[in-house]
Every structure is written in structure tokens, then in C-alpha cells.
Amino acid sequence: MKLPQFLRLRHWRGVRFSLLSAVCLCWAAFLAAAVPATPQTAFFRANTLYTQGQYAEAVEAYEAVLQSGLASGNVYFNLGNAYFKAGQVGRAILSYERARRFLPSDPDLAANLGFARSLTGAEVCRPLLWQGLVFPLAHRVTTDQLARLTSAAYSLLFVVFAVYRLWSRRPQWLRYAGWGVAAGLVVLTLSLAQQLWTSDWQRHAVVFKQGDTPVRFEPAASGTVHFSVTQGTRVQVLDVREDWWQVARCDGRRGWVEKDALEAL
């Protein structure tokens, strides 16, 4: 099957991969033996391995960057591409899902993730219509950005209120401005609370095991199969018991899965 054209790499600072960057990566690989290793040079080396078609080696190099403690959306994005080219679609989806925490609105990431899911038939959790109306900014920006916007709205509302109280004329337009800022603050606060609850405070995992993974009523290999989840499915982790995780699907159905079949986000 022909792969989509959007499976391209990212640079350390987010610059798209190009012919010039390929030359730079070759120089980085040439100088790697003489220059002490850094996360940046390791990232460039991983990109070089990817362009050379050494996808398994590229995966190891990207993982080494992550293990150094420097995680980013671009590293997870490229790692997902490397896993995809290596034929590990489930782990590619896992990497793309992790990249979404840093790049929630990236179109290339959304395209890659959607294409990978289409190959496995993984279930997609979509927000309900009322959730999109009540929490319009949830999962569209990062949690840190949403928190900063909320804080800025609080500060702006305080400034507008202070000016309105101190200005003897108290113009009508300033009152309208205050109501507008207050309405925006409500939207930001609700969106931030929704994002914290559904993404940051809940534990999620992705099934990377190929084929259909059975979800059982009890945490035992002899337990009755309740339903199955396919490779790349994202689930919520409810409980952990030795080698078993209790998970829930988007529709609320829950059961127990062997922990070797999935990995936490």
C-alpha cells in the first residue's frame, strides 16, 4: 500500500523537513563521532536514519532522545512516522497520541493519526455536540496555553472592573466590554476544567498489540471475554491489578486487559 505524502519529518524547532535539512543532517551524522552527543544531535541522527530507510534504528534513536528527558511534539511525531514505516501501526498511533498533548491542532499530526487509525479500524472517541458547544476550546490548545489564557482573562476582567469603578463617567461601552470579557472567561474556565478532567487527571492508554485484544469480565486469562478492542484503540484506565488493567471504551463498556497489550499515554 502506498504511504501518504504527509508522513514527513519535523526539525528540532518545528521546521519542515527539506533537501537543505537533509544535507545538514548528513553533516551532523558525519560530525557525530567528533562532537559530544546532545539531544539535538541525537535528534538529527534519528532523522538521518529515517531518511536512509533504517526505521528500526530511527525508532531507537528517537526513543533515546525521549529517555534523556526532552519530550516534544516533534519528537513524538517523528517517532510515530518511524514506527509506521517499520510496520508497527499500533505504536505509531501511541506516539501520535502522545504528540497531540504538545500539538493538539496540528493538521499533519491529525492526518497521520487518522490514516493510521483507518488501517486498524481503531475506535475514535468524538465529543458530543453539547460538549463542543460548552467546552469549545478543550483539546484545541495545550493545557498550559489554556491556563495562561484563563489567567490573562481573569486579569483583564479585574482591570476593566477597576477602571469602571474609578472612572466617574462609567461609560456604557466599558460595561459591555466587562460583560464580554466575563463571557470569554466563562468559556475559558469551562474548557480548561474539561481538558484537565478528561486528559490530565484521567489515565489513558493505547492498545498496540496487533489484531483484536480480548477484554474480559475478570482479571484472569480464564475470564469470560466481554468484548474486543483493536490495535490503536485509546481507552481510559480505571484500575490496575498486577498484570491486568481495567479499561473503559468511549461508550462506557469496561473490562480487564493484560497490561502487555497496551501502554499508558
Protein backbone atom coordinates (compact mmCIF):
# COMPACT_ATOMS: atom_id res chain seq x y z
CA MET A 1 0.00 0.00 0.00
CA LYS A 2 1.30 3.41 -0.96
CA LEU A 3 2.02 5.63 2.03
CA PRO A 4 0.61 9.18 2.20
CA GLN A 5 2.85 12.11 1.29
CA PHE A 6 2.29 13.85 4.63
CA LEU A 7 4.47 11.34 6.51
CA ARG A 8 7.37 13.79 6.65
CA LEU A 9 9.73 14.63 9.46
CA ARG A 10 9.96 17.64 11.74
CA HIS A 11 13.04 19.58 12.86
CA TRP A 12 14.04 20.29 16.42
CA ARG A 13 12.29 23.68 16.35
CA GLY A 14 9.40 22.61 14.16
CA VAL A 15 10.80 23.41 10.68
CA ARG A 16 9.52 21.06 7.98
CA PHE A 17 11.98 18.55 6.56
CA SER A 18 13.60 19.66 3.26
CA LEU A 19 16.54 18.96 0.98
CA LEU A 20 18.66 21.54 2.78
CA SER A 21 17.86 19.97 6.13
CA ALA A 22 18.82 16.55 4.72
CA VAL A 23 22.28 17.93 3.86
CA CYS A 24 22.56 19.37 7.36
CA LEU A 25 21.59 16.01 8.85
CA CYS A 26 24.28 14.27 6.82
CA TRP A 27 26.86 16.72 8.17
CA ALA A 28 25.53 16.12 11.68
CA ALA A 29 25.94 12.39 11.24
CA PHE A 30 29.47 12.90 9.87
CA LEU A 31 30.47 15.03 12.85
CA ALA A 32 28.73 12.85 15.43
CA ALA A 33 31.92 10.96 16.24
CA ALA A 34 33.84 14.16 16.97
CA VAL A 35 31.16 16.20 18.72
CA PRO A 36 29.81 15.22 22.16
CA ALA A 37 26.31 13.80 21.89
CA THR A 38 23.44 16.14 22.75
CA PRO A 39 19.67 15.71 22.43
CA GLN A 40 19.77 17.91 19.31
CA THR A 41 22.47 15.86 17.59
CA ALA A 42 20.68 12.66 18.59
CA PHE A 43 17.50 14.03 17.03
CA PHE A 44 19.35 14.91 13.81
CA ARG A 45 20.91 11.44 13.74
CA ALA A 46 17.46 9.85 14.13
CA ASN A 47 16.17 11.93 11.21
CA THR A 48 19.14 10.81 9.11
CA LEU A 49 18.42 7.16 9.87
CA TYR A 50 14.79 7.72 8.91
CA THR A 51 15.67 9.27 5.54
CA GLN A 52 18.03 6.36 4.89
CA GLY A 53 15.21 3.88 5.41
CA GLN A 54 16.63 2.49 8.67
CA TYR A 55 13.35 2.79 10.52
CA ALA A 56 14.08 0.41 13.40
CA GLU A 57 17.31 2.26 14.15
CA ALA A 58 15.50 5.59 13.86
CA VAL A 59 12.95 4.38 16.44
CA GLU A 60 15.75 3.57 18.87
CA ALA A 61 17.35 6.97 18.31
CA TYR A 62 14.10 8.87 18.88
CA GLU A 63 13.42 6.80 22.00
CA ALA A 64 16.87 7.73 23.27
CA VAL A 65 16.02 11.43 22.89
CA LEU A 66 12.83 10.88 24.90
CA GLN A 67 14.66 8.91 27.58
CA SER A 68 17.02 11.86 28.01
CA GLY A 69 14.02 13.75 29.40
CA LEU A 70 13.45 16.07 26.43
CA ALA A 71 9.99 15.19 25.14
CA SER A 72 8.32 17.32 22.49
CA GLY A 73 5.57 17.09 19.94
CA ASN A 74 8.03 16.95 17.06
CA VAL A 75 9.99 14.08 18.58
CA TYR A 76 6.83 12.04 19.16
CA PHE A 77 5.59 13.00 15.68
CA ASN A 78 8.76 11.70 14.02
CA LEU A 79 8.78 8.63 16.27
CA GLY A 80 5.25 7.84 15.13
CA ASN A 81 6.34 8.13 11.49
CA ALA A 82 9.26 5.79 12.14
CA TYR A 83 7.04 3.23 13.86
CA PHE A 84 4.56 3.49 10.98
CA LYS A 85 7.23 2.88 8.34
CA ALA A 86 8.53 -0.02 10.45
CA GLY A 87 5.09 -1.65 10.30
CA GLN A 88 4.17 -1.09 13.95
CA VAL A 89 0.95 0.83 13.41
CA GLY A 90 -0.26 0.45 17.00
CA ARG A 91 2.86 2.05 18.42
CA ALA A 92 2.69 4.72 15.73
CA ILE A 93 -0.79 5.65 16.94
CA LEU A 94 0.50 5.65 20.53
CA SER A 95 3.26 8.10 19.56
CA TYR A 96 0.84 10.30 17.62
CA GLU A 97 -1.49 10.39 20.63
CA ARG A 98 1.40 11.50 22.83
CA ALA A 99 2.32 14.16 20.27
CA ARG A 100 -1.24 15.54 20.49
CA ARG A 101 -0.55 16.69 24.03
CA PHE A 102 2.01 19.11 22.59
CA LEU A 103 0.41 19.74 19.16
CA PRO A 104 -3.36 19.45 19.66
CA SER A 105 -4.29 21.37 16.48
CA ASP A 106 -1.52 20.29 14.13
CA PRO A 107 -3.06 19.32 10.74
CA ASP A 108 -0.26 16.94 9.71
CA LEU A 109 -0.50 15.11 13.01
CA ALA A 110 -4.27 14.81 12.67
CA ALA A 111 -3.85 13.47 9.12
CA ASN A 112 -1.24 10.89 10.13
CA LEU A 113 -3.25 9.76 13.13
CA GLY A 114 -6.43 9.47 11.09
CA PHE A 115 -4.69 7.47 8.37
CA ALA A 116 -3.13 5.07 10.88
CA ARG A 117 -6.48 4.56 12.60
CA SER A 118 -8.14 3.83 9.26
CA LEU A 119 -5.74 0.94 8.73
CA THR A 120 -6.55 -0.72 12.06
CA GLY A 121 -10.21 0.26 12.43
CA ALA A 122 -9.48 1.75 15.85
CA GLU A 123 -12.43 3.32 17.63
CA VAL A 124 -12.35 7.12 17.81
CA CYS A 125 -13.83 8.97 20.80
CA ARG A 126 -15.62 12.03 19.46
CA PRO A 127 -17.10 14.72 21.72
CA LEU A 128 -20.85 15.08 21.82
CA LEU A 129 -22.47 18.12 20.21
CA TRP A 130 -23.25 19.77 23.54
CA GLN A 131 -19.67 19.25 24.70
CA GLY A 132 -18.37 21.10 21.67
CA LEU A 133 -20.69 24.00 22.48
CA VAL A 134 -19.99 24.15 26.23
CA PHE A 135 -16.24 23.44 26.01
CA PRO A 136 -15.29 24.90 22.61
CA LEU A 137 -11.56 25.31 23.36
CA ALA A 138 -10.96 21.97 25.10
CA HIS A 139 -8.34 19.85 23.28
CA ARG A 140 -7.73 22.59 20.71
CA VAL A 141 -4.77 24.11 22.55
CA THR A 142 -2.39 22.73 25.15
CA THR A 143 -3.33 22.77 28.82
CA ASP A 144 -0.56 25.27 29.60
CA GLN A 145 -1.76 27.64 26.88
CA LEU A 146 -5.35 27.33 28.05
CA ALA A 147 -4.31 28.02 31.64
CA ARG A 148 -2.38 31.13 30.57
CA LEU A 149 -5.35 32.41 28.55
CA THR A 150 -7.65 31.87 31.52
CA SER A 151 -5.26 33.70 33.83
CA ALA A 152 -4.99 36.58 31.35
CA ALA A 153 -8.79 36.81 31.11
CA TYR A 154 -9.07 36.98 34.91
CA SER A 155 -6.51 39.79 34.98
CA LEU A 156 -8.23 41.68 32.17
CA LEU A 157 -11.60 41.40 33.88
CA PHE A 158 -10.10 42.81 37.09
CA VAL A 159 -8.59 45.74 35.16
CA VAL A 160 -11.88 46.50 33.40
CA PHE A 161 -13.76 46.35 36.71
CA ALA A 162 -11.22 48.62 38.41
CA VAL A 163 -11.35 51.18 35.61
CA TYR A 164 -15.15 51.12 35.65
CA ARG A 165 -15.24 51.73 39.41
CA LEU A 166 -12.63 54.50 39.33
CA TRP A 167 -13.91 56.31 36.24
CA SER A 168 -16.60 58.71 37.37
CA ARG A 169 -18.31 58.75 33.94
CA ARG A 170 -18.66 54.96 33.82
CA PRO A 171 -19.31 54.75 30.06
CA GLN A 172 -21.70 52.16 28.68
CA TRP A 173 -19.14 50.67 26.31
CA LEU A 174 -16.88 49.80 29.26
CA ARG A 175 -19.73 47.89 30.88
CA TYR A 176 -20.27 45.95 27.66
CA ALA A 177 -16.55 45.24 27.48
CA GLY A 178 -16.67 43.85 31.00
CA TRP A 179 -19.54 41.55 30.12
CA GLY A 180 -17.66 40.38 27.03
CA VAL A 181 -14.53 39.60 28.99
CA ALA A 182 -16.63 37.80 31.63
CA ALA A 183 -18.28 35.67 28.95
CA GLY A 184 -14.89 34.77 27.49
CA LEU A 185 -13.61 33.92 30.95
CA VAL A 186 -16.52 31.51 31.48
CA VAL A 187 -15.74 29.76 28.18
CA LEU A 188 -12.03 29.52 29.03
CA THR A 189 -12.67 28.26 32.55
CA LEU A 190 -15.12 25.57 31.42
CA SER A 191 -12.79 24.45 28.61
CA LEU A 192 -9.82 24.29 30.97
CA ALA A 193 -11.79 22.28 33.54
CA GLN A 194 -12.96 19.85 30.84
CA GLN A 195 -9.45 19.39 29.48
CA LEU A 196 -7.97 18.84 32.92
CA TRP A 197 -10.64 16.29 33.80
CA THR A 198 -10.62 14.29 30.56
CA SER A 199 -6.91 14.45 29.68
CA ASP A 200 -4.70 15.42 32.58
CA TRP A 201 -6.48 13.90 35.57
CA GLN A 202 -7.66 10.70 33.88
CA ARG A 203 -5.27 7.96 32.85
CA HIS A 204 -5.44 6.74 29.25
CA ALA A 205 -3.68 4.05 27.27
CA VAL A 206 -3.44 2.84 23.68
CA VAL A 207 -3.63 -0.80 22.58
CA PHE A 208 -0.55 -1.53 20.47
CA LYS A 209 -0.91 -5.30 20.17
CA GLN A 210 -1.76 -6.44 16.64
CA GLY A 211 -5.17 -7.90 15.95
CA ASP A 212 -8.13 -7.92 18.31
CA THR A 213 -7.34 -7.87 22.02
CA PRO A 214 -9.94 -9.53 24.29
CA VAL A 215 -11.36 -7.52 27.18
CA ARG A 216 -12.57 -9.85 29.95
CA PHE A 217 -15.04 -9.60 32.80
CA GLU A 218 -12.40 -10.71 35.31
CA PRO A 219 -8.63 -10.03 35.57
CA ALA A 220 -7.68 -13.58 34.59
CA ALA A 221 -6.80 -15.40 31.38
CA SER A 222 -9.72 -17.76 32.03
CA GLY A 223 -12.18 -14.87 32.39
CA THR A 224 -15.11 -14.57 30.01
CA VAL A 225 -14.48 -12.27 27.07
CA HIS A 226 -16.73 -9.19 27.31
CA PHE A 227 -15.68 -7.50 24.07
CA SER A 228 -12.55 -6.87 21.99
CA VAL A 229 -10.50 -3.78 21.14
CA THR A 230 -8.41 -3.45 18.02
CA GLN A 231 -4.89 -2.18 17.58
CA GLY A 232 -4.58 1.57 18.11
CA THR A 233 -7.71 1.95 20.25
CA ARG A 234 -7.47 4.56 23.00
CA VAL A 235 -9.05 3.56 26.32
CA GLN A 236 -9.38 5.01 29.80
CA VAL A 237 -7.54 3.15 32.55
CA LEU A 238 -9.75 2.70 35.63
CA ASP A 239 -7.80 0.29 37.81
CA VAL A 240 -4.57 -1.71 37.87
CA ARG A 241 -4.28 -5.16 39.40
CA GLU A 242 -0.95 -6.96 38.99
CA ASP A 243 -0.69 -7.87 35.27
CA TRP A 244 -4.17 -6.61 34.37
CA TRP A 245 -5.63 -3.19 33.67
CA GLN A 246 -9.30 -2.35 33.89
CA VAL A 247 -10.19 -0.15 30.93
CA ALA A 248 -13.24 1.62 29.53
CA ARG A 249 -14.15 2.35 25.92
CA CYS A 250 -15.75 5.53 24.62
CA ASP A 251 -19.21 4.01 25.02
CA GLY A 252 -18.58 3.24 28.70
CA ARG A 253 -18.16 -0.54 28.37
CA ARG A 254 -15.39 -1.73 30.65
CA GLY A 255 -13.36 -4.84 31.34
CA TRP A 256 -9.89 -6.21 32.05
CA VAL A 257 -6.94 -6.35 29.62
CA GLU A 258 -3.49 -7.83 30.05
CA LYS A 259 -1.07 -4.95 30.54
CA ASP A 260 1.32 -6.33 27.89
CA ALA A 261 -1.22 -5.43 25.20
CA LEU A 262 -1.31 -1.68 25.85
CA GLU A 263 0.78 1.22 27.10
CA ALA A 264 -0.17 4.33 29.06
CA LEU A 265 -0.05 7.73 27.41
